[in-house]
Amino acid sequence: MEPTGVHHVSINVDDVGTAVDFYTTVLGLRLRTDRPDLGVGGAWLDAGGQQVHLIEAVVPDNRGQHFALRVDDLGAVIGELRDRGVAVSDPIPVGTNLQAFLDDPAGNAVELHQVGGGAS
């Protein structure tokens, strides 16, 4: 097997409407309209060529699980989010990259990741 990329990640949310609003209005993802009826509430979102699937279900305790959204200018994104009242960590260097973390309204951790810009 040789994967060619990540098609989507799926996360549980307790309120689909609130989650869709956060991911589209605050984080800039786009709502897809091609989600089939799966018999459970949810939504599919576009994130720069990949997808985030929101599933209405019990949200697991945070034990470090997260997914990362790649951004070009982490400092600017952190400033924009903080101006909107979103709690987001300071940038953390990881090799030559930078990362920061925030929680969505359901308590899911989301990493913001900038390739380059960090110390080597």
PDB file of N, CA and C in Angstrom:
ATOM      1  N   MET A   1       0.849  -1.182   0.000  1.00  0.00           N
ATOM      2  CA  MET A   1       0.000   0.000   0.000  1.00  0.00           C
ATOM      3  C   MET A   1       0.882   1.228   0.000  1.00  0.00           C
ATOM      4  N   GLU A   2       0.489   2.222  -0.794  1.00  0.00           N
ATOM      5  CA  GLU A   2       1.178   3.508  -0.808  1.00  0.00           C
ATOM      6  C   GLU A   2       0.132   4.614  -0.902  1.00  0.00           C
ATOM      7  N   PRO A   3      -0.304   5.162   0.247  1.00  0.00           N
ATOM      8  CA  PRO A   3      -1.319   6.213   0.230  1.00  0.00           C
ATOM      9  C   PRO A   3      -0.846   7.430  -0.557  1.00  0.00           C
ATOM     10  N   THR A   4      -1.792   8.113  -1.157  1.00  0.00           N
ATOM     11  CA  THR A   4      -1.478   9.323  -1.919  1.00  0.00           C
ATOM     12  C   THR A   4      -1.843  10.592  -1.166  1.00  0.00           C
ATOM     13  N   GLY A   5      -2.399  10.470   0.022  1.00  0.00           N
ATOM     14  CA  GLY A   5      -2.753  11.636   0.820  1.00  0.00           C
ATOM     15  C   GLY A   5      -3.882  11.303   1.770  1.00  0.00           C
ATOM     16  N   VAL A   6      -4.292  12.298   2.522  1.00  0.00           N
ATOM     17  CA  VAL A   6      -5.416  12.166   3.438  1.00  0.00           C
ATOM     18  C   VAL A   6      -6.644  12.743   2.743  1.00  0.00           C
ATOM     19  N   HIS A   7      -7.684  11.945   2.602  1.00  0.00           N
ATOM     20  CA  HIS A   7      -8.920  12.426   1.984  1.00  0.00           C
ATOM     21  C   HIS A   7      -9.747  13.241   2.967  1.00  0.00           C
ATOM     22  N   HIS A   8      -9.924  12.705   4.192  1.00  0.00           N
ATOM     23  CA  HIS A   8     -10.698  13.432   5.194  1.00  0.00           C
ATOM     24  C   HIS A   8     -10.359  12.944   6.592  1.00  0.00           C
ATOM     25  N   VAL A   9     -10.689  13.773   7.543  1.00  0.00           N
ATOM     26  CA  VAL A   9     -10.714  13.380   8.940  1.00  0.00           C
ATOM     27  C   VAL A   9     -12.152  13.539   9.397  1.00  0.00           C
ATOM     28  N   SER A  10     -12.548  12.749  10.367  1.00  0.00           N
ATOM     29  CA  SER A  10     -13.902  12.793  10.889  1.00  0.00           C
ATOM     30  C   SER A  10     -13.825  13.044  12.384  1.00  0.00           C
ATOM     31  N   ILE A  11     -14.587  14.021  12.858  1.00  0.00           N
ATOM     32  CA  ILE A  11     -14.589  14.321  14.284  1.00  0.00           C
ATOM     33  C   ILE A  11     -16.021  14.378  14.799  1.00  0.00           C
ATOM     34  N   ASN A  12     -16.182  14.001  16.043  1.00  0.00           N
ATOM     35  CA  ASN A  12     -17.489  14.055  16.681  1.00  0.00           C
ATOM     36  C   ASN A  12     -17.728  15.446  17.246  1.00  0.00           C
ATOM     37  N   VAL A  13     -18.942  15.936  17.078  1.00  0.00           N
ATOM     38  CA  VAL A  13     -19.367  17.218  17.650  1.00  0.00           C
ATOM     39  C   VAL A  13     -20.726  17.027  18.291  1.00  0.00           C
ATOM     40  N   ASP A  14     -20.997  17.803  19.342  1.00  0.00           N
ATOM     41  CA  ASP A  14     -22.279  17.651  20.028  1.00  0.00           C
ATOM     42  C   ASP A  14     -23.369  18.565  19.471  1.00  0.00           C
ATOM     43  N   ASP A  15     -22.995  19.569  18.672  1.00  0.00           N
ATOM     44  CA  ASP A  15     -23.958  20.488  18.066  1.00  0.00           C
ATOM     45  C   ASP A  15     -23.458  20.824  16.666  1.00  0.00           C
ATOM     46  N   VAL A  16     -24.048  20.205  15.661  1.00  0.00           N
ATOM     47  CA  VAL A  16     -23.571  20.359  14.285  1.00  0.00           C
ATOM     48  C   VAL A  16     -23.655  21.813  13.832  1.00  0.00           C
ATOM     49  N   GLY A  17     -24.758  22.502  14.131  1.00  0.00           N
ATOM     50  CA  GLY A  17     -24.906  23.888  13.698  1.00  0.00           C
ATOM     51  C   GLY A  17     -23.825  24.797  14.260  1.00  0.00           C
ATOM     52  N   THR A  18     -23.552  24.651  15.550  1.00  0.00           N
ATOM     53  CA  THR A  18     -22.501  25.451  16.182  1.00  0.00           C
ATOM     54  C   THR A  18     -21.145  25.115  15.580  1.00  0.00           C
ATOM     55  N   ALA A  19     -20.894  23.832  15.357  1.00  0.00           N
ATOM     56  CA  ALA A  19     -19.612  23.412  14.779  1.00  0.00           C
ATOM     57  C   ALA A  19     -19.448  23.929  13.358  1.00  0.00           C
ATOM     58  N   VAL A  20     -20.490  23.818  12.533  1.00  0.00           N
ATOM     59  CA  VAL A  20     -20.413  24.328  11.156  1.00  0.00           C
ATOM     60  C   VAL A  20     -20.137  25.823  11.172  1.00  0.00           C
ATOM     61  N   ASP A  21     -20.829  26.561  12.022  1.00  0.00           N
ATOM     62  CA  ASP A  21     -20.606  27.998  12.112  1.00  0.00           C
ATOM     63  C   ASP A  21     -19.150  28.301  12.481  1.00  0.00           C
ATOM     64  N   PHE A  22     -18.609  27.601  13.466  1.00  0.00           N
ATOM     65  CA  PHE A  22     -17.230  27.825  13.889  1.00  0.00           C
ATOM     66  C   PHE A  22     -16.244  27.494  12.777  1.00  0.00           C
ATOM     67  N   TYR A  23     -16.387  26.322  12.182  1.00  0.00           N
ATOM     68  CA  TYR A  23     -15.421  25.903  11.159  1.00  0.00           C
ATOM     69  C   TYR A  23     -15.510  26.734   9.883  1.00  0.00           C
ATOM     70  N   THR A  24     -16.692  27.230   9.535  1.00  0.00           N
ATOM     71  CA  THR A  24     -16.809  28.036   8.319  1.00  0.00           C
ATOM     72  C   THR A  24     -16.536  29.515   8.579  1.00  0.00           C
ATOM     73  N   THR A  25     -17.156  30.068   9.616  1.00  0.00           N
ATOM     74  CA  THR A  25     -17.023  31.504   9.882  1.00  0.00           C
ATOM     75  C   THR A  25     -15.691  31.856  10.511  1.00  0.00           C
ATOM     76  N   VAL A  26     -15.235  31.055  11.460  1.00  0.00           N
ATOM     77  CA  VAL A  26     -14.014  31.381  12.194  1.00  0.00           C
ATOM     78  C   VAL A  26     -12.775  30.805  11.517  1.00  0.00           C
ATOM     79  N   LEU A  27     -12.825  29.530  11.121  1.00  0.00           N
ATOM     80  CA  LEU A  27     -11.634  28.887  10.565  1.00  0.00           C
ATOM     81  C   LEU A  27     -11.589  28.876   9.036  1.00  0.00           C
ATOM     82  N   GLY A  28     -12.650  29.326   8.373  1.00  0.00           N
ATOM     83  CA  GLY A  28     -12.606  29.516   6.927  1.00  0.00           C
ATOM     84  C   GLY A  28     -12.815  28.288   6.065  1.00  0.00           C
ATOM     85  N   LEU A  29     -13.258  27.165   6.631  1.00  0.00           N
ATOM     86  CA  LEU A  29     -13.566  26.001   5.805  1.00  0.00           C
ATOM     87  C   LEU A  29     -14.860  26.274   5.053  1.00  0.00           C
ATOM     88  N   ARG A  30     -15.117  25.504   4.014  1.00  0.00           N
ATOM     89  CA  ARG A  30     -16.336  25.692   3.212  1.00  0.00           C
ATOM     90  C   ARG A  30     -17.258  24.489   3.370  1.00  0.00           C
ATOM     91  N   LEU A  31     -18.534  24.761   3.536  1.00  0.00           N
ATOM     92  CA  LEU A  31     -19.537  23.706   3.667  1.00  0.00           C
ATOM     93  C   LEU A  31     -19.753  23.035   2.319  1.00  0.00           C
ATOM     94  N   ARG A  32     -19.688  21.714   2.304  1.00  0.00           N
ATOM     95  CA  ARG A  32     -19.967  20.940   1.097  1.00  0.00           C
ATOM     96  C   ARG A  32     -21.466  20.623   1.058  1.00  0.00           C
ATOM     97  N   THR A  33     -21.983  20.452  -0.144  1.00  0.00           N
ATOM     98  CA  THR A  33     -23.406  20.154  -0.292  1.00  0.00           C
ATOM     99  C   THR A  33     -23.650  18.726  -0.761  1.00  0.00           C
ATOM    100  N   ASP A  34     -22.606  17.911  -0.848  1.00  0.00           N
ATOM    101  CA  ASP A  34     -22.750  16.565  -1.400  1.00  0.00           C
ATOM    102  C   ASP A  34     -22.757  15.469  -0.333  1.00  0.00           C
ATOM    103  N   ARG A  35     -23.012  15.834   0.918  1.00  0.00           N
ATOM    104  CA  ARG A  35     -23.032  14.828   1.986  1.00  0.00           C
ATOM    105  C   ARG A  35     -24.279  13.956   1.846  1.00  0.00           C
ATOM    106  N   PRO A  36     -24.092  12.646   1.756  1.00  0.00           N
ATOM    107  CA  PRO A  36     -25.263  11.758   1.668  1.00  0.00           C
ATOM    108  C   PRO A  36     -25.945  11.639   3.027  1.00  0.00           C
ATOM    109  N   ASP A  37     -27.175  11.160   3.023  1.00  0.00           N
ATOM    110  CA  ASP A  37     -27.881  10.904   4.275  1.00  0.00           C
ATOM    111  C   ASP A  37     -27.295   9.652   4.902  1.00  0.00           C
ATOM    112  N   LEU A  38     -26.633   9.837   6.029  1.00  0.00           N
ATOM    113  CA  LEU A  38     -25.985   8.718   6.706  1.00  0.00           C
ATOM    114  C   LEU A  38     -26.776   8.234   7.919  1.00  0.00           C
ATOM    115  N   GLY A  39     -27.934   8.829   8.119  1.00  0.00           N
ATOM    116  CA  GLY A  39     -28.762   8.437   9.244  1.00  0.00           C
ATOM    117  C   GLY A  39     -28.335   9.048  10.561  1.00  0.00           C
ATOM    118  N   VAL A  40     -27.389   9.971  10.533  1.00  0.00           N
ATOM    119  CA  VAL A  40     -26.914  10.664  11.723  1.00  0.00           C
ATOM    120  C   VAL A  40     -26.595  12.097  11.303  1.00  0.00           C
ATOM    121  N   GLY A  41     -26.790  13.052  12.220  1.00  0.00           N
ATOM    122  CA  GLY A  41     -26.502  14.439  11.894  1.00  0.00           C
ATOM    123  C   GLY A  41     -25.030  14.655  11.622  1.00  0.00           C
ATOM    124  N   GLY A  42     -24.753  15.625  10.784  1.00  0.00           N
ATOM    125  CA  GLY A  42     -23.363  15.930  10.485  1.00  0.00           C
ATOM    126  C   GLY A  42     -23.244  16.877   9.319  1.00  0.00           C
ATOM    127  N   ALA A  43     -22.024  17.146   8.930  1.00  0.00           N
ATOM    128  CA  ALA A  43     -21.736  18.027   7.800  1.00  0.00           C
ATOM    129  C   ALA A  43     -20.359  17.686   7.266  1.00  0.00           C
ATOM    130  N   TRP A  44     -20.156  17.957   5.983  1.00  0.00           N
ATOM    131  CA  TRP A  44     -18.846  17.781   5.366  1.00  0.00           C
ATOM    132  C   TRP A  44     -18.332  19.160   4.989  1.00  0.00           C
ATOM    133  N   LEU A  45     -17.052  19.381   5.246  1.00  0.00           N
ATOM    134  CA  LEU A  45     -16.428  20.677   4.993  1.00  0.00           C
ATOM    135  C   LEU A  45     -15.176  20.502   4.143  1.00  0.00           C
ATOM    136  N   ASP A  46     -14.888  21.486   3.296  1.00  0.00           N
ATOM    137  CA  ASP A  46     -13.640  21.522   2.531  1.00  0.00           C
ATOM    138  C   ASP A  46     -12.605  22.311   3.300  1.00  0.00           C
ATOM    139  N   ALA A  47     -11.385  21.779   3.299  1.00  0.00           N
ATOM    140  CA  ALA A  47     -10.258  22.435   3.962  1.00  0.00           C
ATOM    141  C   ALA A  47      -9.055  22.384   3.027  1.00  0.00           C
ATOM    142  N   GLY A  48      -9.026  23.265   2.042  1.00  0.00           N
ATOM    143  CA  GLY A  48      -7.872  23.341   1.159  1.00  0.00           C
ATOM    144  C   GLY A  48      -7.557  22.071   0.402  1.00  0.00           C
ATOM    145  N   GLY A  49      -8.543  21.402  -0.136  1.00  0.00           N
ATOM    146  CA  GLY A  49      -8.315  20.197  -0.922  1.00  0.00           C
ATOM    147  C   GLY A  49      -8.532  18.904  -0.158  1.00  0.00           C
ATOM    148  N   GLN A  50      -8.672  18.986   1.147  1.00  0.00           N
ATOM    149  CA  GLN A  50      -9.019  17.830   1.963  1.00  0.00           C
ATOM    150  C   GLN A  50     -10.367  18.141   2.627  1.00  0.00           C
ATOM    151  N   GLN A  51     -10.873  17.185   3.375  1.00  0.00           N
ATOM    152  CA  GLN A  51     -12.179  17.377   3.991  1.00  0.00           C
ATOM    153  C   GLN A  51     -12.137  17.124   5.491  1.00  0.00           C
ATOM    154  N   VAL A  52     -13.018  17.819   6.197  1.00  0.00           N
ATOM    155  CA  VAL A  52     -13.290  17.556   7.605  1.00  0.00           C
ATOM    156  C   VAL A  52     -14.757  17.158   7.675  1.00  0.00           C
ATOM    157  N   HIS A  53     -15.013  15.975   8.217  1.00  0.00           N
ATOM    158  CA  HIS A  53     -16.395  15.511   8.371  1.00  0.00           C
ATOM    159  C   HIS A  53     -16.785  15.672   9.834  1.00  0.00           C
ATOM    160  N   LEU A  54     -17.876  16.363  10.060  1.00  0.00           N
ATOM    161  CA  LEU A  54     -18.425  16.550  11.400  1.00  0.00           C
ATOM    162  C   LEU A  54     -19.537  15.529  11.594  1.00  0.00           C
ATOM    163  N   ILE A  55     -19.450  14.763  12.670  1.00  0.00           N
ATOM    164  CA  ILE A  55     -20.442  13.731  12.965  1.00  0.00           C
ATOM    165  C   ILE A  55     -21.082  14.067  14.307  1.00  0.00           C
ATOM    166  N   GLU A  56     -22.427  14.134  14.330  1.00  0.00           N
ATOM    167  CA  GLU A  56     -23.126  14.415  15.579  1.00  0.00           C
ATOM    168  C   GLU A  56     -23.121  13.162  16.438  1.00  0.00           C
ATOM    169  N   ALA A  57     -22.280  13.183  17.479  1.00  0.00           N
ATOM    170  CA  ALA A  57     -22.113  12.030  18.358  1.00  0.00           C
ATOM    171  C   ALA A  57     -21.399  12.498  19.621  1.00  0.00           C
ATOM    172  N   VAL A  58     -21.298  11.607  20.583  1.00  0.00           N
ATOM    173  CA  VAL A  58     -20.605  11.921  21.826  1.00  0.00           C
ATOM    174  C   VAL A  58     -19.153  12.264  21.515  1.00  0.00           C
ATOM    175  N   VAL A  59     -18.694  13.374  22.075  1.00  0.00           N
ATOM    176  CA  VAL A  59     -17.325  13.824  21.855  1.00  0.00           C
ATOM    177  C   VAL A  59     -16.416  13.121  22.869  1.00  0.00           C
ATOM    178  N   PRO A  60     -15.367  12.440  22.402  1.00  0.00           N
ATOM    179  CA  PRO A  60     -14.484  11.743  23.341  1.00  0.00           C
ATOM    180  C   PRO A  60     -13.643  12.721  24.160  1.00  0.00           C
ATOM    181  N   ASP A  61     -13.194  12.265  25.313  1.00  0.00           N
ATOM    182  CA  ASP A  61     -12.289  13.075  26.114  1.00  0.00           C
ATOM    183  C   ASP A  61     -11.036  13.373  25.310  1.00  0.00           C
ATOM    184  N   ASN A  62     -10.487  14.579  25.511  1.00  0.00           N
ATOM    185  CA  ASN A  62      -9.265  14.964  24.815  1.00  0.00           C
ATOM    186  C   ASN A  62      -8.068  14.287  25.486  1.00  0.00           C
ATOM    187  N   ARG A  63      -7.428  13.417  24.733  1.00  0.00           N
ATOM    188  CA  ARG A  63      -6.227  12.722  25.212  1.00  0.00           C
ATOM    189  C   ARG A  63      -5.061  12.972  24.262  1.00  0.00           C
ATOM    190  N   GLY A  64      -5.118  14.131  23.606  1.00  0.00           N
ATOM    191  CA  GLY A  64      -4.050  14.490  22.681  1.00  0.00           C
ATOM    192  C   GLY A  64      -4.426  14.351  21.220  1.00  0.00           C
ATOM    193  N   GLN A  65      -5.554  13.686  20.931  1.00  0.00           N
ATOM    194  CA  GLN A  65      -5.946  13.543  19.537  1.00  0.00           C
ATOM    195  C   GLN A  65      -6.302  14.917  18.958  1.00  0.00           C
ATOM    196  N   HIS A  66      -5.950  15.120  17.711  1.00  0.00           N
ATOM    197  CA  HIS A  66      -6.224  16.379  17.036  1.00  0.00           C
ATOM    198  C   HIS A  66      -5.983  16.186  15.541  1.00  0.00           C
ATOM    199  N   PHE A  67      -6.356  17.174  14.779  1.00  0.00           N
ATOM    200  CA  PHE A  67      -5.953  17.230  13.377  1.00  0.00           C
ATOM    201  C   PHE A  67      -5.377  18.619  13.154  1.00  0.00           C
ATOM    202  N   ALA A  68      -4.613  18.771  12.083  1.00  0.00           N
ATOM    203  CA  ALA A  68      -3.928  20.040  11.837  1.00  0.00           C
ATOM    204  C   ALA A  68      -4.406  20.670  10.537  1.00  0.00           C
ATOM    205  N   LEU A  69      -4.625  21.977  10.598  1.00  0.00           N
ATOM    206  CA  LEU A  69      -4.903  22.776   9.417  1.00  0.00           C
ATOM    207  C   LEU A  69      -3.631  23.537   9.078  1.00  0.00           C
ATOM    208  N   ARG A  70      -3.193  23.422   7.845  1.00  0.00           N
ATOM    209  CA  ARG A  70      -1.982  24.123   7.411  1.00  0.00           C
ATOM    210  C   ARG A  70      -2.338  25.567   7.074  1.00  0.00           C
ATOM    211  N   VAL A  71      -1.519  26.496   7.561  1.00  0.00           N
ATOM    212  CA  VAL A  71      -1.706  27.917   7.292  1.00  0.00           C
ATOM    213  C   VAL A  71      -0.382  28.504   6.806  1.00  0.00           C
ATOM    214  N   ASP A  72      -0.443  29.614   6.089  1.00  0.00           N
ATOM    215  CA  ASP A  72       0.767  30.236   5.561  1.00  0.00           C
ATOM    216  C   ASP A  72       1.454  31.157   6.558  1.00  0.00           C
ATOM    217  N   ASP A  73       0.679  31.868   7.390  1.00  0.00           N
ATOM    218  CA  ASP A  73       1.251  32.842   8.326  1.00  0.00           C
ATOM    219  C   ASP A  73       0.597  32.639   9.690  1.00  0.00           C
ATOM    220  N   LEU A  74       1.215  31.790  10.504  1.00  0.00           N
ATOM    221  CA  LEU A  74       0.619  31.423  11.787  1.00  0.00           C
ATOM    222  C   LEU A  74       0.442  32.629  12.694  1.00  0.00           C
ATOM    223  N   GLY A  75       1.401  33.538  12.728  1.00  0.00           N
ATOM    224  CA  GLY A  75       1.280  34.720  13.575  1.00  0.00           C
ATOM    225  C   GLY A  75       0.059  35.549  13.227  1.00  0.00           C
ATOM    226  N   ALA A  76      -0.180  35.744  11.941  1.00  0.00           N
ATOM    227  CA  ALA A  76      -1.346  36.512  11.507  1.00  0.00           C
ATOM    228  C   ALA A  76      -2.641  35.782  11.858  1.00  0.00           C
ATOM    229  N   VAL A  77      -2.658  34.470  11.691  1.00  0.00           N
ATOM    230  CA  VAL A  77      -3.854  33.681  12.006  1.00  0.00           C
ATOM    231  C   VAL A  77      -4.147  33.744  13.501  1.00  0.00           C
ATOM    232  N   ILE A  78      -3.116  33.610  14.325  1.00  0.00           N
ATOM    233  CA  ILE A  78      -3.311  33.698  15.775  1.00  0.00           C
ATOM    234  C   ILE A  78      -3.895  35.054  16.142  1.00  0.00           C
ATOM    235  N   GLY A  79      -3.354  36.131  15.573  1.00  0.00           N
ATOM    236  CA  GLY A  79      -3.872  37.466  15.850  1.00  0.00           C
ATOM    237  C   GLY A  79      -5.323  37.616  15.438  1.00  0.00           C
ATOM    238  N   GLU A  80      -5.662  37.109  14.250  1.00  0.00           N
ATOM    239  CA  GLU A  80      -7.039  37.192  13.758  1.00  0.00           C
ATOM    240  C   GLU A  80      -7.992  36.429  14.677  1.00  0.00           C
ATOM    241  N   LEU A  81      -7.591  35.217  15.077  1.00  0.00           N
ATOM    242  CA  LEU A  81      -8.451  34.416  15.948  1.00  0.00           C
ATOM    243  C   LEU A  81      -8.616  35.064  17.316  1.00  0.00           C
ATOM    244  N   ARG A  82      -7.534  35.571  17.873  1.00  0.00           N
ATOM    245  CA  ARG A  82      -7.630  36.232  19.174  1.00  0.00           C
ATOM    246  C   ARG A  82      -8.499  37.478  19.095  1.00  0.00           C
ATOM    247  N   ASP A  83      -8.433  38.208  17.983  1.00  0.00           N
ATOM    248  CA  ASP A  83      -9.307  39.376  17.798  1.00  0.00           C
ATOM    249  C   ASP A  83     -10.776  38.962  17.792  1.00  0.00           C
ATOM    250  N   ARG A  84     -11.050  37.724  17.393  1.00  0.00           N
ATOM    251  CA  ARG A  84     -12.423  37.197  17.377  1.00  0.00           C
ATOM    252  C   ARG A  84     -12.811  36.570  18.709  1.00  0.00           C
ATOM    253  N   GLY A  85     -11.899  36.618  19.683  1.00  0.00           N
ATOM    254  CA  GLY A  85     -12.196  36.066  20.994  1.00  0.00           C
ATOM    255  C   GLY A  85     -11.907  34.586  21.142  1.00  0.00           C
ATOM    256  N   VAL A  86     -11.204  33.995  20.181  1.00  0.00           N
ATOM    257  CA  VAL A  86     -10.871  32.569  20.238  1.00  0.00           C
ATOM    258  C   VAL A  86      -9.577  32.402  21.020  1.00  0.00           C
ATOM    259  N   ALA A  87      -9.591  31.508  21.996  1.00  0.00           N
ATOM    260  CA  ALA A  87      -8.378  31.194  22.752  1.00  0.00           C
ATOM    261  C   ALA A  87      -7.504  30.283  21.901  1.00  0.00           C
ATOM    262  N   VAL A  88      -6.288  30.722  21.644  1.00  0.00           N
ATOM    263  CA  VAL A  88      -5.337  29.939  20.847  1.00  0.00           C
ATOM    264  C   VAL A  88      -3.962  30.093  21.485  1.00  0.00           C
ATOM    265  N   SER A  89      -3.200  29.015  21.491  1.00  0.00           N
ATOM    266  CA  SER A  89      -1.889  29.042  22.123  1.00  0.00           C
ATOM    267  C   SER A  89      -0.925  29.940  21.351  1.00  0.00           C
ATOM    268  N   ASP A  90       0.167  30.291  21.999  1.00  0.00           N
ATOM    269  CA  ASP A  90       1.253  30.967  21.307  1.00  0.00           C
ATOM    270  C   ASP A  90       1.884  29.978  20.338  1.00  0.00           C
ATOM    271  N   PRO A  91       2.604  30.476  19.314  1.00  0.00           N
ATOM    272  CA  PRO A  91       3.284  29.570  18.382  1.00  0.00           C
ATOM    273  C   PRO A  91       4.348  28.738  19.104  1.00  0.00           C
ATOM    274  N   ILE A  92       4.438  27.491  18.718  1.00  0.00           N
ATOM    275  CA  ILE A  92       5.409  26.562  19.281  1.00  0.00           C
ATOM    276  C   ILE A  92       6.285  26.065  18.139  1.00  0.00           C
ATOM    277  N   PRO A  93       7.614  26.266  18.218  1.00  0.00           N
ATOM    278  CA  PRO A  93       8.464  25.735  17.152  1.00  0.00           C
ATOM    279  C   PRO A  93       8.578  24.218  17.241  1.00  0.00           C
ATOM    280  N   VAL A  94       8.481  23.569  16.101  1.00  0.00           N
ATOM    281  CA  VAL A  94       8.666  22.128  15.980  1.00  0.00           C
ATOM    282  C   VAL A  94       9.593  21.928  14.790  1.00  0.00           C
ATOM    283  N   GLY A  95      10.876  21.720  15.077  1.00  0.00           N
ATOM    284  CA  GLY A  95      11.853  21.667  13.985  1.00  0.00           C
ATOM    285  C   GLY A  95      11.870  23.011  13.283  1.00  0.00           C
ATOM    286  N   THR A  96      11.660  23.007  11.985  1.00  0.00           N
ATOM    287  CA  THR A  96      11.635  24.255  11.217  1.00  0.00           C
ATOM    288  C   THR A  96      10.219  24.789  11.031  1.00  0.00           C
ATOM    289  N   ASN A  97       9.250  24.163  11.669  1.00  0.00           N
ATOM    290  CA  ASN A  97       7.848  24.556  11.521  1.00  0.00           C
ATOM    291  C   ASN A  97       7.335  25.216  12.797  1.00  0.00           C
ATOM    292  N   LEU A  98       6.122  25.755  12.707  1.00  0.00           N
ATOM    293  CA  LEU A  98       5.452  26.348  13.861  1.00  0.00           C
ATOM    294  C   LEU A  98       4.066  25.730  14.003  1.00  0.00           C
ATOM    295  N   GLN A  99       3.620  25.589  15.243  1.00  0.00           N
ATOM    296  CA  GLN A  99       2.272  25.102  15.474  1.00  0.00           C
ATOM    297  C   GLN A  99       1.641  25.853  16.634  1.00  0.00           C
ATOM    298  N   ALA A 100       0.325  25.901  16.625  1.00  0.00           N
ATOM    299  CA  ALA A 100      -0.457  26.463  17.723  1.00  0.00           C
ATOM    300  C   ALA A 100      -1.717  25.621  17.831  1.00  0.00           C
ATOM    301  N   PHE A 101      -2.359  25.688  18.999  1.00  0.00           N
ATOM    302  CA  PHE A 101      -3.531  24.852  19.240  1.00  0.00           C
ATOM    303  C   PHE A 101      -4.707  25.672  19.758  1.00  0.00           C
ATOM    304  N   LEU A 102      -5.899  25.220  19.399  1.00  0.00           N
ATOM    305  CA  LEU A 102      -7.149  25.786  19.899  1.00  0.00           C
ATOM    306  C   LEU A 102      -8.142  24.653  20.027  1.00  0.00           C
ATOM    307  N   ASP A 103      -9.251  24.911  20.690  1.00  0.00           N
ATOM    308  CA  ASP A 103     -10.335  23.935  20.803  1.00  0.00           C
ATOM    309  C   ASP A 103     -11.544  24.448  20.050  1.00  0.00           C
ATOM    310  N   ASP A 104     -12.241  23.550  19.362  1.00  0.00           N
ATOM    311  CA  ASP A 104     -13.501  23.931  18.733  1.00  0.00           C
ATOM    312  C   ASP A 104     -14.581  23.982  19.819  1.00  0.00           C
ATOM    313  N   PRO A 105     -15.796  24.420  19.491  1.00  0.00           N
ATOM    314  CA  PRO A 105     -16.842  24.538  20.516  1.00  0.00           C
ATOM    315  C   PRO A 105     -17.197  23.228  21.222  1.00  0.00           C
ATOM    316  N   ALA A 106     -16.910  22.085  20.598  1.00  0.00           N
ATOM    317  CA  ALA A 106     -17.198  20.793  21.220  1.00  0.00           C
ATOM    318  C   ALA A 106     -16.038  20.302  22.077  1.00  0.00           C
ATOM    319  N   GLY A 107     -14.914  21.019  22.056  1.00  0.00           N
ATOM    320  CA  GLY A 107     -13.755  20.618  22.840  1.00  0.00           C
ATOM    321  C   GLY A 107     -12.726  19.814  22.072  1.00  0.00           C
ATOM    322  N   ASN A 108     -12.899  19.677  20.751  1.00  0.00           N
ATOM    323  CA  ASN A 108     -11.905  18.990  19.934  1.00  0.00           C
ATOM    324  C   ASN A 108     -10.702  19.894  19.716  1.00  0.00           C
ATOM    325  N   ALA A 109      -9.499  19.341  19.883  1.00  0.00           N
ATOM    326  CA  ALA A 109      -8.274  20.104  19.647  1.00  0.00           C
ATOM    327  C   ALA A 109      -8.021  20.221  18.152  1.00  0.00           C
ATOM    328  N   VAL A 110      -7.640  21.422  17.735  1.00  0.00           N
ATOM    329  CA  VAL A 110      -7.278  21.698  16.348  1.00  0.00           C
ATOM    330  C   VAL A 110      -5.898  22.339  16.367  1.00  0.00           C
ATOM    331  N   GLU A 111      -4.991  21.773  15.589  1.00  0.00           N
ATOM    332  CA  GLU A 111      -3.658  22.359  15.437  1.00  0.00           C
ATOM    333  C   GLU A 111      -3.655  23.259  14.215  1.00  0.00           C
ATOM    334  N   LEU A 112      -3.008  24.397  14.328  1.00  0.00           N
ATOM    335  CA  LEU A 112      -2.721  25.261  13.189  1.00  0.00           C
ATOM    336  C   LEU A 112      -1.237  25.092  12.913  1.00  0.00           C
ATOM    337  N   HIS A 113      -0.860  24.793  11.682  1.00  0.00           N
ATOM    338  CA  HIS A 113       0.509  24.399  11.376  1.00  0.00           C
ATOM    339  C   HIS A 113       1.064  25.225  10.208  1.00  0.00           C
ATOM    340  N   GLN A 114       2.204  25.870  10.454  1.00  0.00           N
ATOM    341  CA  GLN A 114       2.900  26.606   9.403  1.00  0.00           C
ATOM    342  C   GLN A 114       4.196  25.874   9.080  1.00  0.00           C
ATOM    343  N   VAL A 115       4.353  25.499   7.824  1.00  0.00           N
ATOM    344  CA  VAL A 115       5.591  24.869   7.382  1.00  0.00           C
ATOM    345  C   VAL A 115       6.636  25.968   7.206  1.00  0.00           C
ATOM    346  N   GLY A 116       7.795  25.782   7.819  1.00  0.00           N
ATOM    347  CA  GLY A 116       8.843  26.818   7.794  1.00  0.00           C
ATOM    348  C   GLY A 116       8.495  27.908   8.797  1.00  0.00           C
ATOM    349  N   GLY A 117       9.399  28.808   9.008  1.00  0.00           N
ATOM    350  CA  GLY A 117       9.140  29.916   9.929  1.00  0.00           C
ATOM    351  C   GLY A 117       9.578  29.653  11.342  1.00  0.00           C
ATOM    352  N   GLY A 118       9.971  28.423  11.651  1.00  0.00           N
ATOM    353  CA  GLY A 118      10.437  28.087  12.989  1.00  0.00           C
ATOM    354  C   GLY A 118      11.942  27.945  13.013  1.00  0.00           C
ATOM    355  N   ALA A 119      12.488  27.718  14.175  1.00  0.00           N
ATOM    356  CA  ALA A 119      13.930  27.509  14.312  1.00  0.00           C
ATOM    357  C   ALA A 119      14.302  26.143  13.750  1.00  0.00           C
ATOM    358  N   SER A 120      15.540  26.005  13.356  1.00  0.00           N
ATOM    359  CA  SER A 120      15.979  24.696  12.836  1.00  0.00           C
ATOM    360  C   SER A 120      16.709  23.913  13.886  1.00  0.00           C
TER     361      SER A 120
END
